[in-house]
């Protein structure tokens, strides 16, 4: 089984810090989603969805009704880049 390396954009790291302080339940859900990304970035919980239009090439999973995990997948490098973890797409 391939294990994807998880990398974090600086915006995602800021989002994760904010979630950890303000929304413990969402933070716990985020931890589970990140574990899943290592094994299967295209399927699993959080309703994985490939984004369209200006976000083409990015994927989204629901952390909560308010927050989404946004990421890209590179199958050649077996890596995932987490771009954002708070808000709903561009809504901040």
N, C-alpha and C. Protein backbone atom coordinates (compact mmCIF):
# COMPACT_ATOMS: atom_id res chain seq x y z
N UNK A 1 0.84 -1.17 0.00
CA UNK A 1 0.00 0.00 0.00
C UNK A 1 0.89 1.25 0.00
N UNK A 2 0.54 2.21 -0.86
CA UNK A 2 1.29 3.47 -0.93
C UNK A 2 0.87 4.38 0.22
N UNK A 3 1.84 5.03 0.81
CA UNK A 3 1.57 6.00 1.86
C UNK A 3 2.00 7.37 1.33
N UNK A 4 1.06 8.28 1.26
CA UNK A 4 1.32 9.63 0.77
C UNK A 4 1.95 10.48 1.87
N UNK A 5 2.92 11.28 1.49
CA UNK A 5 3.53 12.26 2.39
C UNK A 5 2.62 13.48 2.44
N UNK A 6 2.34 13.99 3.63
CA UNK A 6 1.49 15.16 3.79
C UNK A 6 2.37 16.39 4.01
N UNK A 7 2.18 17.42 3.17
CA UNK A 7 2.89 18.69 3.28
C UNK A 7 1.86 19.79 3.53
N UNK A 8 2.28 20.86 4.18
CA UNK A 8 1.35 21.92 4.54
C UNK A 8 1.80 23.27 4.01
N UNK A 9 0.92 23.94 3.29
CA UNK A 9 1.12 25.32 2.87
C UNK A 9 1.04 26.19 4.12
N UNK A 10 1.69 27.34 4.13
CA UNK A 10 1.69 28.20 5.31
C UNK A 10 0.27 28.61 5.72
N UNK A 11 -0.62 28.84 4.74
CA UNK A 11 -2.01 29.20 5.06
C UNK A 11 -2.70 28.06 5.81
N UNK A 12 -2.44 26.84 5.40
CA UNK A 12 -3.04 25.68 6.07
C UNK A 12 -2.57 25.58 7.52
N UNK A 13 -1.29 25.84 7.75
CA UNK A 13 -0.77 25.78 9.12
C UNK A 13 -1.45 26.83 10.01
N UNK A 14 -1.66 28.03 9.47
CA UNK A 14 -2.38 29.06 10.22
C UNK A 14 -3.81 28.62 10.52
N UNK A 15 -4.47 28.05 9.50
CA UNK A 15 -5.85 27.59 9.67
C UNK A 15 -5.95 26.52 10.75
N UNK A 16 -5.00 25.59 10.75
CA UNK A 16 -5.01 24.50 11.72
C UNK A 16 -4.83 25.04 13.14
N UNK A 17 -3.94 26.01 13.31
CA UNK A 17 -3.76 26.63 14.63
C UNK A 17 -5.05 27.27 15.11
N UNK A 18 -5.73 27.98 14.21
CA UNK A 18 -6.99 28.64 14.57
C UNK A 18 -8.06 27.62 14.96
N UNK A 19 -8.15 26.53 14.17
CA UNK A 19 -9.13 25.49 14.48
C UNK A 19 -8.85 24.85 15.83
N UNK A 20 -7.58 24.60 16.11
CA UNK A 20 -7.21 23.96 17.37
C UNK A 20 -7.65 24.81 18.56
N UNK A 21 -7.55 26.14 18.43
CA UNK A 21 -7.94 27.04 19.51
C UNK A 21 -9.45 27.23 19.61
N UNK A 22 -10.11 27.33 18.47
CA UNK A 22 -11.51 27.77 18.47
C UNK A 22 -12.56 26.67 18.32
N UNK A 23 -12.18 25.51 17.77
CA UNK A 23 -13.18 24.48 17.46
C UNK A 23 -12.56 23.09 17.63
N UNK A 24 -12.56 22.60 18.86
CA UNK A 24 -11.91 21.32 19.19
C UNK A 24 -12.48 20.14 18.40
N UNK A 25 -13.80 20.11 18.21
CA UNK A 25 -14.41 19.01 17.46
C UNK A 25 -13.95 18.99 16.01
N UNK A 26 -13.90 20.15 15.40
CA UNK A 26 -13.42 20.23 14.01
C UNK A 26 -11.95 19.85 13.93
N UNK A 27 -11.18 20.24 14.93
CA UNK A 27 -9.76 19.89 14.94
C UNK A 27 -9.58 18.37 15.02
N UNK A 28 -10.36 17.70 15.85
CA UNK A 28 -10.29 16.23 15.94
C UNK A 28 -10.66 15.58 14.62
N UNK A 29 -11.70 16.10 13.97
CA UNK A 29 -12.12 15.57 12.67
C UNK A 29 -11.01 15.79 11.64
N UNK A 30 -10.38 16.94 11.68
CA UNK A 30 -9.28 17.25 10.78
C UNK A 30 -8.14 16.24 10.95
N UNK A 31 -7.81 15.91 12.19
CA UNK A 31 -6.75 14.92 12.44
C UNK A 31 -7.08 13.59 11.78
N UNK A 32 -8.33 13.16 11.87
CA UNK A 32 -8.75 11.90 11.23
C UNK A 32 -8.65 11.99 9.72
N UNK A 33 -9.06 13.13 9.16
CA UNK A 33 -9.00 13.31 7.71
C UNK A 33 -7.56 13.29 7.21
N UNK A 34 -6.65 13.91 7.95
CA UNK A 34 -5.25 13.91 7.56
C UNK A 34 -4.66 12.50 7.58
N UNK A 35 -5.05 11.70 8.56
CA UNK A 35 -4.61 10.29 8.60
C UNK A 35 -5.09 9.55 7.36
N UNK A 36 -6.36 9.78 6.99
CA UNK A 36 -6.92 9.12 5.81
C UNK A 36 -6.21 9.54 4.53
N UNK A 37 -5.82 10.81 4.44
CA UNK A 37 -5.16 11.30 3.24
C UNK A 37 -3.89 10.52 2.94
N UNK A 38 -3.20 10.07 3.97
CA UNK A 38 -1.96 9.31 3.77
C UNK A 38 -2.22 8.01 3.02
N UNK A 39 -3.35 7.40 3.25
CA UNK A 39 -3.64 6.10 2.64
C UNK A 39 -4.44 6.23 1.35
N UNK A 40 -5.43 7.10 1.34
CA UNK A 40 -6.29 7.22 0.15
C UNK A 40 -6.85 8.64 0.01
N UNK A 41 -6.13 9.49 -0.72
CA UNK A 41 -6.53 10.89 -0.83
C UNK A 41 -7.78 11.13 -1.68
N UNK A 42 -8.21 10.15 -2.45
CA UNK A 42 -9.36 10.35 -3.35
C UNK A 42 -10.67 9.78 -2.81
N UNK A 43 -10.64 9.08 -1.69
CA UNK A 43 -11.86 8.48 -1.16
C UNK A 43 -11.81 8.49 0.36
N UNK A 44 -12.95 8.19 0.98
CA UNK A 44 -13.00 8.14 2.43
C UNK A 44 -14.05 9.07 2.99
N UNK A 45 -13.89 9.46 4.25
CA UNK A 45 -14.87 10.31 4.91
C UNK A 45 -14.67 11.77 4.51
N UNK A 46 -15.65 12.58 4.84
CA UNK A 46 -15.58 14.00 4.53
C UNK A 46 -16.03 14.33 3.12
N UNK A 47 -16.62 13.38 2.43
CA UNK A 47 -17.12 13.57 1.06
C UNK A 47 -16.05 14.17 0.14
N UNK A 48 -14.98 13.42 -0.15
CA UNK A 48 -13.94 13.95 -1.04
C UNK A 48 -14.55 14.37 -2.38
N UNK A 49 -14.17 15.55 -2.84
CA UNK A 49 -14.75 16.10 -4.06
C UNK A 49 -13.66 16.84 -4.83
N UNK A 50 -13.54 16.51 -6.12
CA UNK A 50 -12.61 17.25 -6.96
C UNK A 50 -13.25 18.58 -7.33
N UNK A 51 -12.52 19.67 -7.11
CA UNK A 51 -13.07 21.00 -7.33
C UNK A 51 -12.97 21.38 -8.81
N UNK A 52 -13.74 22.39 -9.19
CA UNK A 52 -13.84 22.82 -10.59
C UNK A 52 -13.47 24.29 -10.71
N UNK A 53 -13.50 24.74 -11.96
CA UNK A 53 -13.31 26.14 -12.31
C UNK A 53 -11.97 26.67 -11.81
N UNK A 54 -11.95 27.76 -11.04
CA UNK A 54 -10.67 28.35 -10.62
C UNK A 54 -9.92 27.46 -9.64
N UNK A 55 -10.57 26.46 -9.07
CA UNK A 55 -9.93 25.54 -8.13
C UNK A 55 -9.65 24.17 -8.76
N UNK A 56 -9.67 24.11 -10.09
CA UNK A 56 -9.44 22.84 -10.78
C UNK A 56 -8.08 22.25 -10.36
N UNK A 57 -8.05 20.97 -10.12
CA UNK A 57 -6.84 20.30 -9.66
C UNK A 57 -6.76 20.16 -8.15
N UNK A 58 -7.67 20.83 -7.46
CA UNK A 58 -7.72 20.75 -6.00
C UNK A 58 -8.85 19.83 -5.57
N UNK A 59 -8.71 19.30 -4.37
CA UNK A 59 -9.71 18.43 -3.76
C UNK A 59 -10.21 19.05 -2.47
N UNK A 60 -11.41 18.66 -2.07
CA UNK A 60 -12.01 19.18 -0.84
C UNK A 60 -12.62 18.04 -0.04
N UNK A 61 -12.52 18.14 1.26
CA UNK A 61 -13.21 17.24 2.19
C UNK A 61 -13.85 18.09 3.27
N UNK A 62 -15.02 17.68 3.72
CA UNK A 62 -15.71 18.41 4.78
C UNK A 62 -15.08 18.12 6.13
N UNK A 63 -14.69 19.18 6.82
CA UNK A 63 -14.27 19.05 8.22
C UNK A 63 -15.51 19.21 9.08
N UNK A 64 -16.31 20.22 8.74
CA UNK A 64 -17.58 20.50 9.41
C UNK A 64 -18.48 21.21 8.40
N UNK A 65 -19.65 21.60 8.83
CA UNK A 65 -20.53 22.32 7.92
C UNK A 65 -19.88 23.63 7.45
N UNK A 66 -19.09 24.22 8.32
CA UNK A 66 -18.47 25.51 8.04
C UNK A 66 -17.10 25.41 7.37
N UNK A 67 -16.34 24.37 7.68
CA UNK A 67 -14.94 24.29 7.26
C UNK A 67 -14.67 23.15 6.28
N UNK A 68 -13.72 23.41 5.37
CA UNK A 68 -13.30 22.42 4.39
C UNK A 68 -11.78 22.27 4.43
N UNK A 69 -11.33 21.06 4.14
CA UNK A 69 -9.91 20.78 3.96
C UNK A 69 -9.67 20.82 2.45
N UNK A 70 -8.79 21.71 2.00
CA UNK A 70 -8.50 21.85 0.57
C UNK A 70 -7.07 21.36 0.34
N UNK A 71 -6.89 20.51 -0.68
CA UNK A 71 -5.57 19.92 -0.91
C UNK A 71 -5.38 19.53 -2.37
N UNK A 72 -4.13 19.31 -2.75
CA UNK A 72 -3.79 18.79 -4.06
C UNK A 72 -3.05 17.47 -3.85
N UNK A 73 -3.09 16.62 -4.88
CA UNK A 73 -2.45 15.31 -4.80
C UNK A 73 -1.46 15.19 -5.96
N UNK A 74 -0.25 14.72 -5.68
CA UNK A 74 0.74 14.44 -6.71
C UNK A 74 1.05 12.95 -6.63
N UNK A 75 0.48 12.19 -7.57
CA UNK A 75 0.66 10.73 -7.56
C UNK A 75 2.08 10.31 -7.93
N UNK A 76 2.78 11.12 -8.73
CA UNK A 76 4.15 10.77 -9.10
C UNK A 76 5.08 10.86 -7.88
N UNK A 77 4.90 11.89 -7.08
CA UNK A 77 5.73 12.07 -5.89
C UNK A 77 5.14 11.40 -4.65
N UNK A 78 3.93 10.85 -4.79
CA UNK A 78 3.19 10.23 -3.69
C UNK A 78 3.11 11.22 -2.52
N UNK A 79 2.58 12.41 -2.83
CA UNK A 79 2.47 13.44 -1.81
C UNK A 79 1.15 14.19 -1.92
N UNK A 80 0.76 14.79 -0.81
CA UNK A 80 -0.43 15.62 -0.73
C UNK A 80 0.00 16.96 -0.16
N UNK A 81 -0.45 18.05 -0.78
CA UNK A 81 -0.22 19.40 -0.25
C UNK A 81 -1.52 19.93 0.28
N UNK A 82 -1.57 20.19 1.58
CA UNK A 82 -2.76 20.78 2.20
C UNK A 82 -2.65 22.29 2.03
N UNK A 83 -3.66 22.88 1.38
CA UNK A 83 -3.63 24.31 1.06
C UNK A 83 -4.38 25.16 2.08
N UNK A 84 -5.49 24.63 2.60
CA UNK A 84 -6.31 25.38 3.56
C UNK A 84 -7.11 24.40 4.40
N UNK A 85 -7.51 24.85 5.60
CA UNK A 85 -8.26 23.97 6.50
C UNK A 85 -9.30 24.74 7.29
N UNK A 86 -9.71 25.88 6.77
CA UNK A 86 -10.72 26.66 7.48
C UNK A 86 -11.53 27.44 6.46
N UNK A 87 -12.80 27.60 6.74
CA UNK A 87 -13.67 28.30 5.81
C UNK A 87 -14.24 27.33 4.79
N UNK A 88 -14.95 27.88 3.83
CA UNK A 88 -15.58 27.10 2.78
C UNK A 88 -15.07 27.63 1.46
N UNK A 89 -14.08 26.94 0.87
CA UNK A 89 -13.39 27.36 -0.34
C UNK A 89 -12.82 28.76 -0.13
N UNK A 90 -13.23 29.77 -0.85
CA UNK A 90 -12.66 31.10 -0.73
C UNK A 90 -13.23 31.94 0.40
N UNK A 91 -14.25 31.46 1.09
CA UNK A 91 -14.89 32.24 2.16
C UNK A 91 -14.01 32.21 3.41
N UNK A 92 -13.51 33.35 3.81
CA UNK A 92 -12.69 33.43 5.02
C UNK A 92 -13.25 34.48 5.92
